[in-house]
Amino acid sequence: MRRALLSICFLLSCLGIARGKALHVYFVDAEGGQATLIVAPSGESLLIDTGWPDFEGRDAKRIVAAARAAGVKRLDYVLVTHYHMDHVGGVPQLAEKIPVGTFIDHGPSVESGEREEALLAAYRPVLAKARHLVVKPGDRIPVAGIEVEVLAAAGHTLSSPLPGAGGPNPLCTEARPKEEDKSENAQSVGILLTYGKFRMIDLGDLTWNKELELACPANRLGQVDLYMSTHHGSSLSGPAAMVHALHPRVAVMNNGARKGGDASAWQIIHSSPGLEDIWQLHCAVEAGEKNNTSEPFIANLDEQCKGYAVNLTAEVDGSFSVTNTRNGFSKRYNPR
């Protein structure tokens, strides 16, 4: 009997440890680029984009520092959303500092030219040394312990609604398309991350019309807890018909001091029904005080900064907390 009780206690203890495991997301400051490190409860990792090249390896160093803080010695997956300097440019410097298991992208670039070819020429040799996965909408990225579904890639978007989504979106009646974007931005790989009841969306630099495809006339995405502002909070992205339909509780803006953080984009997010807070990686200098969140929620206040991050911890019940590493300010959000 005593052995049986000890066995039951041991099993309950193990279950308690399992329940205590959390999802960790590190929104690394890439000075207006993107570098978001996701560490699943299983310990497997997914990095979304690699920031800029040069600057003495600044962004690669910041990513590796976040990985070390998370106990990550190898990046299992690196997702390159699209082939622009502030997203794929840091690949060579990063690969020199930490092993990468699999690179994920949308396939060939739609842009050409000397600068574009130089960018891809730096990416290809690193790509050749790892596994390579080309994704399309509807695919899943196999990170153990979480679900990562591809919503957009290579100019295509999800054709069928996600489970529980698909209802008519009345916000579409006021939505108007912009001029067609033929750049790599519109080719961005966008993903939905789900851990238990927690949902987070990151659409890379996907532009306005492609986002409207996901939201109109029916909302194919449903609601999320956290919205990573598309395109660094640029006015070229983030239509209200999509952002408001997502009904996020929290938004994180990976803007730079003078890149992204546009006043109009900030106001669309700020006016989203049910939004509790906006967290920013930088104070947007040109947006003005009315178009920036309050000081405790901004990781970097000055243009010449130390690269402070915004970190998130999410539990399987849908609760999560967000922390500003500059000042230690943290806020917890209970399950819906």
C-alpha atoms as a PDB file:
ATOM      1  CA  MET A   1       0.000   0.000   0.000  1.00  0.00           C
ATOM      2  CA  ARG A   2       2.816   2.372   0.943  1.00  0.00           C
ATOM      3  CA  ARG A   3       4.567   1.682  -2.374  1.00  0.00           C
ATOM      4  CA  ALA A   4       1.333   2.329  -4.248  1.00  0.00           C
ATOM      5  CA  LEU A   5       0.846   5.651  -2.444  1.00  0.00           C
ATOM      6  CA  LEU A   6       4.441   6.642  -3.170  1.00  0.00           C
ATOM      7  CA  SER A   7       3.931   5.770  -6.838  1.00  0.00           C
ATOM      8  CA  ILE A   8       0.763   7.846  -6.986  1.00  0.00           C
ATOM      9  CA  CYS A   9       2.524  10.774  -5.302  1.00  0.00           C
ATOM     10  CA  PHE A  10       5.409  10.488  -7.756  1.00  0.00           C
ATOM     11  CA  LEU A  11       3.031  10.489 -10.724  1.00  0.00           C
ATOM     12  CA  LEU A  12       1.128  13.472  -9.359  1.00  0.00           C
ATOM     13  CA  SER A  13       4.423  15.255  -8.824  1.00  0.00           C
ATOM     14  CA  CYS A  14       5.432  14.598 -12.436  1.00  0.00           C
ATOM     15  CA  LEU A  15       2.065  15.796 -13.649  1.00  0.00           C
ATOM     16  CA  GLY A  16       2.464  18.921 -11.577  1.00  0.00           C
ATOM     17  CA  ILE A  17       5.843  19.593 -13.184  1.00  0.00           C
ATOM     18  CA  ALA A  18       4.308  19.051 -16.629  1.00  0.00           C
ATOM     19  CA  ARG A  19       1.471  21.453 -15.841  1.00  0.00           C
ATOM     20  CA  GLY A  20       4.001  23.984 -14.588  1.00  0.00           C
ATOM     21  CA  LYS A  21       5.829  24.130 -17.904  1.00  0.00           C
ATOM     22  CA  ALA A  22       5.193  27.247 -19.932  1.00  0.00           C
ATOM     23  CA  LEU A  23       5.662  28.732 -23.364  1.00  0.00           C
ATOM     24  CA  HIS A  24       8.303  31.465 -23.521  1.00  0.00           C
ATOM     25  CA  VAL A  25       8.541  34.141 -26.213  1.00  0.00           C
ATOM     26  CA  TYR A  26      11.403  36.624 -26.428  1.00  0.00           C
ATOM     27  CA  PHE A  27      10.724  39.688 -28.587  1.00  0.00           C
ATOM     28  CA  VAL A  28      14.354  40.578 -29.256  1.00  0.00           C
ATOM     29  CA  ASP A  29      15.115  44.183 -30.201  1.00  0.00           C
ATOM     30  CA  ALA A  30      16.408  44.175 -33.781  1.00  0.00           C
ATOM     31  CA  GLU A  31      16.094  47.964 -34.110  1.00  0.00           C
ATOM     32  CA  GLY A  32      13.097  47.878 -36.454  1.00  0.00           C
ATOM     33  CA  GLY A  33      13.794  44.405 -37.805  1.00  0.00           C
ATOM     34  CA  GLN A  34      12.375  41.158 -36.491  1.00  0.00           C
ATOM     35  CA  ALA A  35      13.845  38.495 -34.248  1.00  0.00           C
ATOM     36  CA  THR A  36      11.298  36.630 -32.140  1.00  0.00           C
ATOM     37  CA  LEU A  37      12.502  33.585 -30.220  1.00  0.00           C
ATOM     38  CA  ILE A  38       9.857  31.035 -29.226  1.00  0.00           C
ATOM     39  CA  VAL A  39      10.723  28.287 -26.759  1.00  0.00           C
ATOM     40  CA  ALA A  40       8.083  25.594 -26.387  1.00  0.00           C
ATOM     41  CA  PRO A  41       7.434  23.773 -23.096  1.00  0.00           C
ATOM     42  CA  SER A  42       9.183  20.786 -24.709  1.00  0.00           C
ATOM     43  CA  GLY A  43      12.379  22.827 -24.962  1.00  0.00           C
ATOM     44  CA  GLU A  44      12.277  22.979 -28.764  1.00  0.00           C
ATOM     45  CA  SER A  45      12.851  26.401 -30.270  1.00  0.00           C
ATOM     46  CA  LEU A  46      11.617  28.451 -33.211  1.00  0.00           C
ATOM     47  CA  LEU A  47      13.222  31.749 -34.191  1.00  0.00           C
ATOM     48  CA  ILE A  48      11.189  34.030 -36.453  1.00  0.00           C
ATOM     49  CA  ASP A  49      13.663  36.076 -38.533  1.00  0.00           C
ATOM     50  CA  THR A  50      17.215  37.074 -37.721  1.00  0.00           C
ATOM     51  CA  GLY A  51      17.354  40.854 -37.783  1.00  0.00           C
ATOM     52  CA  TRP A  52      19.882  42.966 -39.667  1.00  0.00           C
ATOM     53  CA  PRO A  53      23.425  42.061 -40.755  1.00  0.00           C
ATOM     54  CA  ASP A  54      26.526  44.024 -39.712  1.00  0.00           C
ATOM     55  CA  PHE A  55      26.563  46.389 -36.701  1.00  0.00           C
ATOM     56  CA  GLU A  56      29.348  44.081 -35.437  1.00  0.00           C
ATOM     57  CA  GLY A  57      26.879  41.218 -35.205  1.00  0.00           C
ATOM     58  CA  ARG A  58      24.567  43.198 -32.923  1.00  0.00           C
ATOM     59  CA  ASP A  59      21.320  41.351 -33.671  1.00  0.00           C
ATOM     60  CA  ALA A  60      22.933  37.910 -33.739  1.00  0.00           C
ATOM     61  CA  LYS A  61      24.465  38.609 -30.328  1.00  0.00           C
ATOM     62  CA  ARG A  62      21.111  39.692 -28.919  1.00  0.00           C
ATOM     63  CA  ILE A  63      19.387  36.570 -30.259  1.00  0.00           C
ATOM     64  CA  VAL A  64      22.071  34.297 -28.820  1.00  0.00           C
ATOM     65  CA  ALA A  65      21.864  36.082 -25.473  1.00  0.00           C
ATOM     66  CA  ALA A  66      18.099  35.440 -25.394  1.00  0.00           C
ATOM     67  CA  ALA A  67      18.672  31.805 -26.346  1.00  0.00           C
ATOM     68  CA  ARG A  68      21.194  31.341 -23.553  1.00  0.00           C
ATOM     69  CA  ALA A  69      18.831  32.933 -21.048  1.00  0.00           C
ATOM     70  CA  ALA A  70      16.230  30.379 -22.161  1.00  0.00           C
ATOM     71  CA  GLY A  71      18.675  27.475 -21.886  1.00  0.00           C
ATOM     72  CA  VAL A  72      18.653  26.982 -25.670  1.00  0.00           C
ATOM     73  CA  LYS A  73      21.916  25.756 -27.200  1.00  0.00           C
ATOM     74  CA  ARG A  74      20.535  25.016 -30.666  1.00  0.00           C
ATOM     75  CA  LEU A  75      17.830  26.657 -32.748  1.00  0.00           C
ATOM     76  CA  ASP A  76      15.640  23.803 -33.911  1.00  0.00           C
ATOM     77  CA  TYR A  77      13.841  25.958 -36.499  1.00  0.00           C
ATOM     78  CA  VAL A  78      14.579  29.360 -38.016  1.00  0.00           C
ATOM     79  CA  LEU A  79      11.673  30.824 -39.977  1.00  0.00           C
ATOM     80  CA  VAL A  80      12.592  33.462 -42.548  1.00  0.00           C
ATOM     81  CA  THR A  81       9.338  35.281 -43.237  1.00  0.00           C
ATOM     82  CA  HIS A  82      10.652  36.996 -46.396  1.00  0.00           C
ATOM     83  CA  TYR A  83      13.843  38.154 -48.056  1.00  0.00           C
ATOM     84  CA  HIS A  84      14.388  41.676 -46.787  1.00  0.00           C
ATOM     85  CA  MET A  85      17.546  42.863 -45.062  1.00  0.00           C
ATOM     86  CA  ASP A  86      15.978  43.327 -41.616  1.00  0.00           C
ATOM     87  CA  HIS A  87      14.570  39.771 -41.584  1.00  0.00           C
ATOM     88  CA  VAL A  88      17.016  37.455 -43.384  1.00  0.00           C
ATOM     89  CA  GLY A  89      20.133  39.639 -43.334  1.00  0.00           C
ATOM     90  CA  GLY A  90      21.359  38.357 -39.973  1.00  0.00           C
ATOM     91  CA  VAL A  91      21.394  34.674 -40.970  1.00  0.00           C
ATOM     92  CA  PRO A  92      25.152  34.298 -41.669  1.00  0.00           C
ATOM     93  CA  GLN A  93      26.227  36.022 -38.445  1.00  0.00           C
ATOM     94  CA  LEU A  94      23.715  34.067 -36.401  1.00  0.00           C
ATOM     95  CA  ALA A  95      24.750  30.691 -37.860  1.00  0.00           C
ATOM     96  CA  GLU A  96      28.337  31.398 -36.807  1.00  0.00           C
ATOM     97  CA  LYS A  97      27.225  31.696 -33.187  1.00  0.00           C
ATOM     98  CA  ILE A  98      24.615  28.957 -32.712  1.00  0.00           C
ATOM     99  CA  PRO A  99      23.683  25.740 -34.582  1.00  0.00           C
ATOM    100  CA  VAL A 100      20.484  25.729 -36.656  1.00  0.00           C
ATOM    101  CA  GLY A 101      18.546  22.537 -37.349  1.00  0.00           C
ATOM    102  CA  THR A 102      16.034  23.589 -40.036  1.00  0.00           C
ATOM    103  CA  PHE A 103      15.490  26.751 -42.048  1.00  0.00           C
ATOM    104  CA  ILE A 104      11.937  27.528 -43.150  1.00  0.00           C
ATOM    105  CA  ASP A 105      10.933  29.988 -45.872  1.00  0.00           C
ATOM    106  CA  HIS A 106       8.373  30.572 -48.643  1.00  0.00           C
ATOM    107  CA  GLY A 107      10.612  29.488 -51.543  1.00  0.00           C
ATOM    108  CA  PRO A 108      12.061  31.721 -54.300  1.00  0.00           C
ATOM    109  CA  SER A 109      12.156  35.497 -53.946  1.00  0.00           C
ATOM    110  CA  VAL A 110       9.989  37.683 -56.181  1.00  0.00           C
ATOM    111  CA  GLU A 111      12.540  40.512 -56.122  1.00  0.00           C
ATOM    112  CA  SER A 112      15.634  40.867 -58.272  1.00  0.00           C
ATOM    113  CA  GLY A 113      18.551  43.233 -58.538  1.00  0.00           C
ATOM    114  CA  GLU A 114      22.104  43.543 -57.299  1.00  0.00           C
ATOM    115  CA  ARG A 115      21.211  44.205 -53.685  1.00  0.00           C
ATOM    116  CA  GLU A 116      18.607  41.429 -53.588  1.00  0.00           C
ATOM    117  CA  GLU A 117      20.991  38.918 -55.138  1.00  0.00           C
ATOM    118  CA  ALA A 118      23.711  39.797 -52.630  1.00  0.00           C
ATOM    119  CA  LEU A 119      21.265  39.170 -49.792  1.00  0.00           C
ATOM    120  CA  LEU A 120      20.291  35.749 -51.159  1.00  0.00           C
ATOM    121  CA  ALA A 121      23.915  34.891 -51.961  1.00  0.00           C
ATOM    122  CA  ALA A 122      24.713  35.270 -48.253  1.00  0.00           C
ATOM    123  CA  TYR A 123      21.695  33.163 -47.242  1.00  0.00           C
ATOM    124  CA  ARG A 124      22.147  30.217 -49.636  1.00  0.00           C
ATOM    125  CA  PRO A 125      25.467  28.795 -48.293  1.00  0.00           C
ATOM    126  CA  VAL A 126      24.088  28.737 -44.740  1.00  0.00           C
ATOM    127  CA  LEU A 127      20.856  27.194 -45.980  1.00  0.00           C
ATOM    128  CA  ALA A 128      22.807  24.411 -47.681  1.00  0.00           C
ATOM    129  CA  LYS A 129      24.269  23.288 -44.341  1.00  0.00           C
ATOM    130  CA  ALA A 130      20.906  22.663 -42.659  1.00  0.00           C
ATOM    131  CA  ARG A 131      17.566  21.086 -43.412  1.00  0.00           C
ATOM    132  CA  HIS A 132      15.297  23.275 -45.536  1.00  0.00           C
ATOM    133  CA  LEU A 133      11.520  23.386 -45.414  1.00  0.00           C
ATOM    134  CA  VAL A 134       9.388  25.415 -47.841  1.00  0.00           C
ATOM    135  CA  VAL A 135       5.909  26.049 -46.440  1.00  0.00           C
ATOM    136  CA  LYS A 136       2.501  26.993 -47.790  1.00  0.00           C
ATOM    137  CA  PRO A 137      -0.740  28.076 -46.086  1.00  0.00           C
ATOM    138  CA  GLY A 138      -2.253  25.247 -44.069  1.00  0.00           C
ATOM    139  CA  ASP A 139       1.116  23.624 -43.291  1.00  0.00           C
ATOM    140  CA  ARG A 140       2.230  23.044 -39.718  1.00  0.00           C
ATOM    141  CA  ILE A 141       5.717  23.661 -38.392  1.00  0.00           C
ATOM    142  CA  PRO A 142       6.474  20.639 -36.187  1.00  0.00           C
ATOM    143  CA  VAL A 143       7.686  22.289 -32.973  1.00  0.00           C
ATOM    144  CA  ALA A 144       7.035  19.764 -30.214  1.00  0.00           C
ATOM    145  CA  GLY A 145       4.624  20.946 -27.525  1.00  0.00           C
ATOM    146  CA  ILE A 146       2.931  23.751 -29.460  1.00  0.00           C
ATOM    147  CA  GLU A 147       0.956  24.157 -32.677  1.00  0.00           C
ATOM    148  CA  VAL A 148       2.336  26.462 -35.351  1.00  0.00           C
ATOM    149  CA  GLU A 149       0.101  26.803 -38.402  1.00  0.00           C
ATOM    150  CA  VAL A 150       1.066  28.685 -41.562  1.00  0.00           C
ATOM    151  CA  LEU A 151      -1.552  31.278 -42.533  1.00  0.00           C
ATOM    152  CA  ALA A 152       0.201  32.959 -45.458  1.00  0.00           C
ATOM    153  CA  ALA A 153       3.212  32.262 -47.658  1.00  0.00           C
ATOM    154  CA  ALA A 154       4.485  33.115 -51.148  1.00  0.00           C
ATOM    155  CA  GLY A 155       1.581  35.452 -51.836  1.00  0.00           C
ATOM    156  CA  HIS A 156      -1.076  32.890 -50.905  1.00  0.00           C
ATOM    157  CA  THR A 157      -3.325  32.932 -47.847  1.00  0.00           C
ATOM    158  CA  LEU A 158      -5.305  30.344 -45.943  1.00  0.00           C
ATOM    159  CA  SER A 159      -8.246  29.244 -48.109  1.00  0.00           C
ATOM    160  CA  SER A 160     -10.391  27.691 -45.362  1.00  0.00           C
ATOM    161  CA  PRO A 161     -11.190  29.141 -41.933  1.00  0.00           C
ATOM    162  CA  LEU A 162      -9.475  27.816 -38.850  1.00  0.00           C
ATOM    163  CA  PRO A 163     -11.590  25.707 -36.457  1.00  0.00           C
ATOM    164  CA  GLY A 164     -14.133  27.945 -34.736  1.00  0.00           C
ATOM    165  CA  ALA A 165     -13.568  30.809 -37.192  1.00  0.00           C
ATOM    166  CA  GLY A 166     -15.203  31.672 -40.510  1.00  0.00           C
ATOM    167  CA  GLY A 167     -18.077  33.901 -39.418  1.00  0.00           C
ATOM    168  CA  PRO A 168     -19.037  36.986 -41.465  1.00  0.00           C
ATOM    169  CA  ASN A 169     -16.937  40.019 -40.679  1.00  0.00           C
ATOM    170  CA  PRO A 170     -19.110  43.181 -40.628  1.00  0.00           C
ATOM    171  CA  LEU A 171     -15.968  45.334 -40.485  1.00  0.00           C
ATOM    172  CA  CYS A 172     -15.303  44.473 -44.118  1.00  0.00           C
ATOM    173  CA  THR A 173     -18.033  46.804 -45.355  1.00  0.00           C
ATOM    174  CA  GLU A 174     -15.764  49.777 -44.583  1.00  0.00           C
ATOM    175  CA  ALA A 175     -12.508  48.109 -45.689  1.00  0.00           C
ATOM    176  CA  ARG A 176     -10.796  49.404 -48.816  1.00  0.00           C
ATOM    177  CA  PRO A 177      -7.829  47.763 -50.561  1.00  0.00           C
ATOM    178  CA  LYS A 178      -4.573  49.608 -51.190  1.00  0.00           C
ATOM    179  CA  GLU A 179      -2.429  49.533 -54.324  1.00  0.00           C
ATOM    180  CA  GLU A 180      -1.182  46.004 -55.049  1.00  0.00           C
ATOM    181  CA  ASP A 181       2.108  45.223 -53.331  1.00  0.00           C
ATOM    182  CA  LYS A 182       4.444  43.207 -55.576  1.00  0.00           C
ATOM    183  CA  SER A 183       7.347  43.164 -53.140  1.00  0.00           C
ATOM    184  CA  GLU A 184       8.633  40.461 -50.829  1.00  0.00           C
ATOM    185  CA  ASN A 185       6.504  41.918 -48.037  1.00  0.00           C
ATOM    186  CA  ALA A 186       3.353  40.442 -49.601  1.00  0.00           C
ATOM    187  CA  GLN A 187       5.125  37.061 -49.793  1.00  0.00           C
ATOM    188  CA  SER A 188       5.652  36.942 -46.018  1.00  0.00           C
ATOM    189  CA  VAL A 189       5.130  33.729 -44.091  1.00  0.00           C
ATOM    190  CA  GLY A 190       2.550  34.406 -41.395  1.00  0.00           C
ATOM    191  CA  ILE A 191       1.852  32.005 -38.545  1.00  0.00           C
ATOM    192  CA  LEU A 192      -0.589  31.324 -35.734  1.00  0.00           C
ATOM    193  CA  LEU A 193       0.947  29.861 -32.578  1.00  0.00           C
ATOM    194  CA  THR A 194      -1.323  27.948 -30.203  1.00  0.00           C
ATOM    195  CA  TYR A 195      -0.416  26.594 -26.772  1.00  0.00           C
ATOM    196  CA  GLY A 196      -3.473  25.222 -25.002  1.00  0.00           C
ATOM    197  CA  LYS A 197      -5.908  28.156 -24.877  1.00  0.00           C
ATOM    198  CA  PHE A 198      -3.261  30.758 -25.681  1.00  0.00           C
ATOM    199  CA  ARG A 199      -3.108  32.062 -29.274  1.00  0.00           C
ATOM    200  CA  MET A 200      -0.547  34.424 -30.820  1.00  0.00           C
ATOM    201  CA  ILE A 201      -0.383  35.668 -34.413  1.00  0.00           C
ATOM    202  CA  ASP A 202       2.669  36.928 -36.325  1.00  0.00           C
ATOM    203  CA  LEU A 203       2.241  37.833 -39.996  1.00  0.00           C
ATOM    204  CA  GLY A 204       5.754  39.107 -40.657  1.00  0.00           C
ATOM    205  CA  ASP A 205       5.571  42.077 -43.045  1.00  0.00           C
ATOM    206  CA  LEU A 206       2.432  40.885 -44.822  1.00  0.00           C
ATOM    207  CA  THR A 207       0.736  43.861 -46.429  1.00  0.00           C
ATOM    208  CA  TRP A 208      -2.756  45.312 -46.339  1.00  0.00           C
ATOM    209  CA  ASN A 209      -4.507  43.473 -49.197  1.00  0.00           C
ATOM    210  CA  LYS A 210      -3.212  40.047 -48.170  1.00  0.00           C
ATOM    211  CA  GLU A 211      -4.385  40.646 -44.618  1.00  0.00           C
ATOM    212  CA  LEU A 212      -7.825  41.581 -45.936  1.00  0.00           C
ATOM    213  CA  GLU A 213      -7.907  38.210 -47.731  1.00  0.00           C
ATOM    214  CA  LEU A 214      -7.566  36.541 -44.317  1.00  0.00           C
ATOM    215  CA  ALA A 215     -10.291  38.656 -42.728  1.00  0.00           C
ATOM    216  CA  CYS A 216     -12.847  39.434 -45.452  1.00  0.00           C
ATOM    217  CA  PRO A 217     -15.631  38.791 -46.168  1.00  0.00           C
ATOM    218  CA  ALA A 218     -15.326  36.161 -43.416  1.00  0.00           C
ATOM    219  CA  ASN A 219     -12.815  36.138 -40.584  1.00  0.00           C
ATOM    220  CA  ARG A 220     -10.809  32.977 -41.277  1.00  0.00           C
ATOM    221  CA  LEU A 221      -8.572  33.468 -38.228  1.00  0.00           C
ATOM    222  CA  GLY A 222     -10.848  33.880 -35.204  1.00  0.00           C
ATOM    223  CA  GLN A 223      -9.581  35.725 -32.129  1.00  0.00           C
ATOM    224  CA  VAL A 224      -6.128  35.820 -30.557  1.00  0.00           C
ATOM    225  CA  ASP A 225      -4.648  36.738 -27.218  1.00  0.00           C
ATOM    226  CA  LEU A 226      -1.553  38.430 -28.619  1.00  0.00           C
ATOM    227  CA  TYR A 227      -1.087  40.257 -31.907  1.00  0.00           C
ATOM    228  CA  MET A 228       2.420  40.997 -33.130  1.00  0.00           C
ATOM    229  CA  SER A 229       1.868  44.215 -35.079  1.00  0.00           C
ATOM    230  CA  THR A 230       2.329  43.443 -38.763  1.00  0.00           C
ATOM    231  CA  HIS A 231       5.233  45.110 -40.579  1.00  0.00           C
ATOM    232  CA  HIS A 232       6.597  46.752 -37.405  1.00  0.00           C
ATOM    233  CA  GLY A 233       3.443  48.837 -37.073  1.00  0.00           C
ATOM    234  CA  SER A 234       3.609  50.269 -40.597  1.00  0.00           C
ATOM    235  CA  SER A 235       0.615  51.991 -42.210  1.00  0.00           C
ATOM    236  CA  LEU A 236       1.131  49.683 -45.208  1.00  0.00           C
ATOM    237  CA  SER A 237      -0.240  46.843 -43.083  1.00  0.00           C
ATOM    238  CA  GLY A 238      -2.712  46.157 -40.294  1.00  0.00           C
ATOM    239  CA  PRO A 239      -6.182  47.086 -41.616  1.00  0.00           C
ATOM    240  CA  ALA A 240      -8.803  47.578 -38.922  1.00  0.00           C
ATOM    241  CA  ALA A 241     -10.998  44.938 -40.573  1.00  0.00           C
ATOM    242  CA  MET A 242      -8.401  42.332 -39.610  1.00  0.00           C
ATOM    243  CA  VAL A 243      -6.886  43.746 -36.407  1.00  0.00           C
ATOM    244  CA  HIS A 244     -10.264  44.423 -34.793  1.00  0.00           C
ATOM    245  CA  ALA A 245     -11.635  41.038 -35.910  1.00  0.00           C
ATOM    246  CA  LEU A 246      -8.684  39.360 -34.181  1.00  0.00           C
ATOM    247  CA  HIS A 247      -9.858  41.019 -30.959  1.00  0.00           C
ATOM    248  CA  PRO A 248      -6.402  40.824 -29.341  1.00  0.00           C
ATOM    249  CA  ARG A 249      -6.003  41.407 -25.640  1.00  0.00           C
ATOM    250  CA  VAL A 250      -2.395  42.531 -26.049  1.00  0.00           C
ATOM    251  CA  ALA A 251      -0.304  43.800 -28.955  1.00  0.00           C
ATOM    252  CA  VAL A 252       3.483  43.815 -29.205  1.00  0.00           C
ATOM    253  CA  MET A 253       5.031  46.224 -31.715  1.00  0.00           C
ATOM    254  CA  ASN A 254       8.546  45.369 -32.921  1.00  0.00           C
ATOM    255  CA  ASN A 255       9.247  48.860 -34.186  1.00  0.00           C
ATOM    256  CA  GLY A 256      12.447  50.853 -34.240  1.00  0.00           C
ATOM    257  CA  ALA A 257      12.921  54.416 -33.048  1.00  0.00           C
ATOM    258  CA  ARG A 258      12.349  55.682 -36.599  1.00  0.00           C
ATOM    259  CA  LYS A 259      11.002  52.593 -38.358  1.00  0.00           C
ATOM    260  CA  GLY A 260       7.418  51.419 -38.029  1.00  0.00           C
ATOM    261  CA  GLY A 261       5.275  52.647 -35.188  1.00  0.00           C
ATOM    262  CA  ASP A 262       3.254  54.783 -37.615  1.00  0.00           C
ATOM    263  CA  ALA A 263       0.596  56.904 -35.940  1.00  0.00           C
ATOM    264  CA  SER A 264      -2.263  55.542 -38.062  1.00  0.00           C
ATOM    265  CA  ALA A 265      -1.257  51.913 -37.466  1.00  0.00           C
ATOM    266  CA  TRP A 266      -0.873  52.548 -33.726  1.00  0.00           C
ATOM    267  CA  GLN A 267      -4.334  54.094 -33.548  1.00  0.00           C
ATOM    268  CA  ILE A 268      -5.931  51.111 -35.330  1.00  0.00           C
ATOM    269  CA  ILE A 269      -4.400  48.779 -32.767  1.00  0.00           C
ATOM    270  CA  HIS A 270      -5.174  51.077 -29.848  1.00  0.00           C
ATOM    271  CA  SER A 271      -8.860  51.284 -30.827  1.00  0.00           C
ATOM    272  CA  SER A 272      -9.256  47.519 -31.207  1.00  0.00           C
ATOM    273  CA  PRO A 273     -12.216  46.263 -29.092  1.00  0.00           C
ATOM    274  CA  GLY A 274     -11.071  44.502 -25.946  1.00  0.00           C
ATOM    275  CA  LEU A 275      -7.426  45.572 -26.228  1.00  0.00           C
ATOM    276  CA  GLU A 276      -5.835  45.922 -22.806  1.00  0.00           C
ATOM    277  CA  ASP A 277      -2.279  47.033 -23.615  1.00  0.00           C
ATOM    278  CA  ILE A 278       0.253  47.789 -26.338  1.00  0.00           C
ATOM    279  CA  TRP A 279       3.886  46.923 -25.626  1.00  0.00           C
ATOM    280  CA  GLN A 280       6.568  48.501 -27.845  1.00  0.00           C
ATOM    281  CA  LEU A 281      10.213  47.653 -28.402  1.00  0.00           C
ATOM    282  CA  HIS A 282      10.936  51.330 -29.061  1.00  0.00           C
ATOM    283  CA  CYS A 283       9.432  54.729 -28.522  1.00  0.00           C
ATOM    284  CA  ALA A 284       8.349  55.826 -32.023  1.00  0.00           C
ATOM    285  CA  VAL A 285      10.073  59.213 -32.265  1.00  0.00           C
ATOM    286  CA  GLU A 286       8.032  60.712 -35.095  1.00  0.00           C
ATOM    287  CA  ALA A 287       4.629  59.398 -33.956  1.00  0.00           C
ATOM    288  CA  GLY A 288       4.283  61.781 -31.030  1.00  0.00           C
ATOM    289  CA  GLU A 289       3.206  61.206 -27.447  1.00  0.00           C
ATOM    290  CA  LYS A 290      -0.425  60.433 -28.352  1.00  0.00           C
ATOM    291  CA  ASN A 291       0.670  57.577 -30.615  1.00  0.00           C
ATOM    292  CA  ASN A 292       2.999  55.807 -28.207  1.00  0.00           C
ATOM    293  CA  THR A 293       2.084  53.608 -25.298  1.00  0.00           C
ATOM    294  CA  SER A 294       2.957  54.674 -21.754  1.00  0.00           C
ATOM    295  CA  GLU A 295       6.567  54.546 -20.570  1.00  0.00           C
ATOM    296  CA  PRO A 296       6.425  51.318 -18.499  1.00  0.00           C
ATOM    297  CA  PHE A 297       5.354  49.385 -21.621  1.00  0.00           C
ATOM    298  CA  ILE A 298       8.220  50.629 -23.854  1.00  0.00           C
ATOM    299  CA  ALA A 299      11.417  48.577 -23.804  1.00  0.00           C
ATOM    300  CA  ASN A 300      13.728  51.213 -25.312  1.00  0.00           C
ATOM    301  CA  LEU A 301      13.065  54.919 -24.769  1.00  0.00           C
ATOM    302  CA  ASP A 302      16.137  56.333 -26.510  1.00  0.00           C
ATOM    303  CA  GLU A 303      17.350  55.988 -30.101  1.00  0.00           C
ATOM    304  CA  GLN A 304      20.799  54.972 -28.912  1.00  0.00           C
ATOM    305  CA  CYS A 305      19.689  52.092 -26.735  1.00  0.00           C
ATOM    306  CA  LYS A 306      20.933  48.908 -25.103  1.00  0.00           C
ATOM    307  CA  GLY A 307      18.504  46.680 -26.982  1.00  0.00           C
ATOM    308  CA  TYR A 308      16.113  45.764 -24.184  1.00  0.00           C
ATOM    309  CA  ALA A 309      13.543  43.078 -25.007  1.00  0.00           C
ATOM    310  CA  VAL A 310       9.922  42.337 -24.229  1.00  0.00           C
ATOM    311  CA  ASN A 311       9.362  38.802 -22.936  1.00  0.00           C
ATOM    312  CA  LEU A 312       6.219  36.715 -22.621  1.00  0.00           C
ATOM    313  CA  THR A 313       5.375  33.623 -20.591  1.00  0.00           C
ATOM    314  CA  ALA A 314       2.129  31.782 -21.397  1.00  0.00           C
ATOM    315  CA  GLU A 315       0.408  28.941 -19.575  1.00  0.00           C
ATOM    316  CA  VAL A 316      -1.736  26.204 -21.085  1.00  0.00           C
ATOM    317  CA  ASP A 317      -4.901  27.693 -19.516  1.00  0.00           C
ATOM    318  CA  GLY A 318      -4.497  30.825 -21.659  1.00  0.00           C
ATOM    319  CA  SER A 319      -3.094  33.074 -18.945  1.00  0.00           C
ATOM    320  CA  PHE A 320       0.121  34.908 -19.737  1.00  0.00           C
ATOM    321  CA  SER A 321       2.443  37.602 -18.482  1.00  0.00           C
ATOM    322  CA  VAL A 322       4.530  40.164 -20.366  1.00  0.00           C
ATOM    323  CA  THR A 323       7.719  41.742 -19.008  1.00  0.00           C
ATOM    324  CA  ASN A 324       9.756  44.786 -20.013  1.00  0.00           C
ATOM    325  CA  THR A 325      13.425  43.885 -19.468  1.00  0.00           C
ATOM    326  CA  ARG A 326      14.465  47.551 -19.248  1.00  0.00           C
ATOM    327  CA  ASN A 327      12.605  48.275 -16.033  1.00  0.00           C
ATOM    328  CA  GLY A 328      11.402  44.869 -14.860  1.00  0.00           C
ATOM    329  CA  PHE A 329       7.786  45.957 -15.193  1.00  0.00           C
ATOM    330  CA  SER A 330       5.533  42.931 -15.674  1.00  0.00           C
ATOM    331  CA  LYS A 331       1.818  42.456 -16.099  1.00  0.00           C
ATOM    332  CA  ARG A 332      -0.244  39.282 -15.874  1.00  0.00           C
ATOM    333  CA  TYR A 333      -3.295  38.617 -18.046  1.00  0.00           C
ATOM    334  CA  ASN A 334      -5.790  36.074 -16.739  1.00  0.00           C
ATOM    335  CA  PRO A 335      -7.505  33.551 -19.030  1.00  0.00           C
ATOM    336  CA  ARG A 336     -10.444  34.871 -21.034  1.00  0.00           C
END
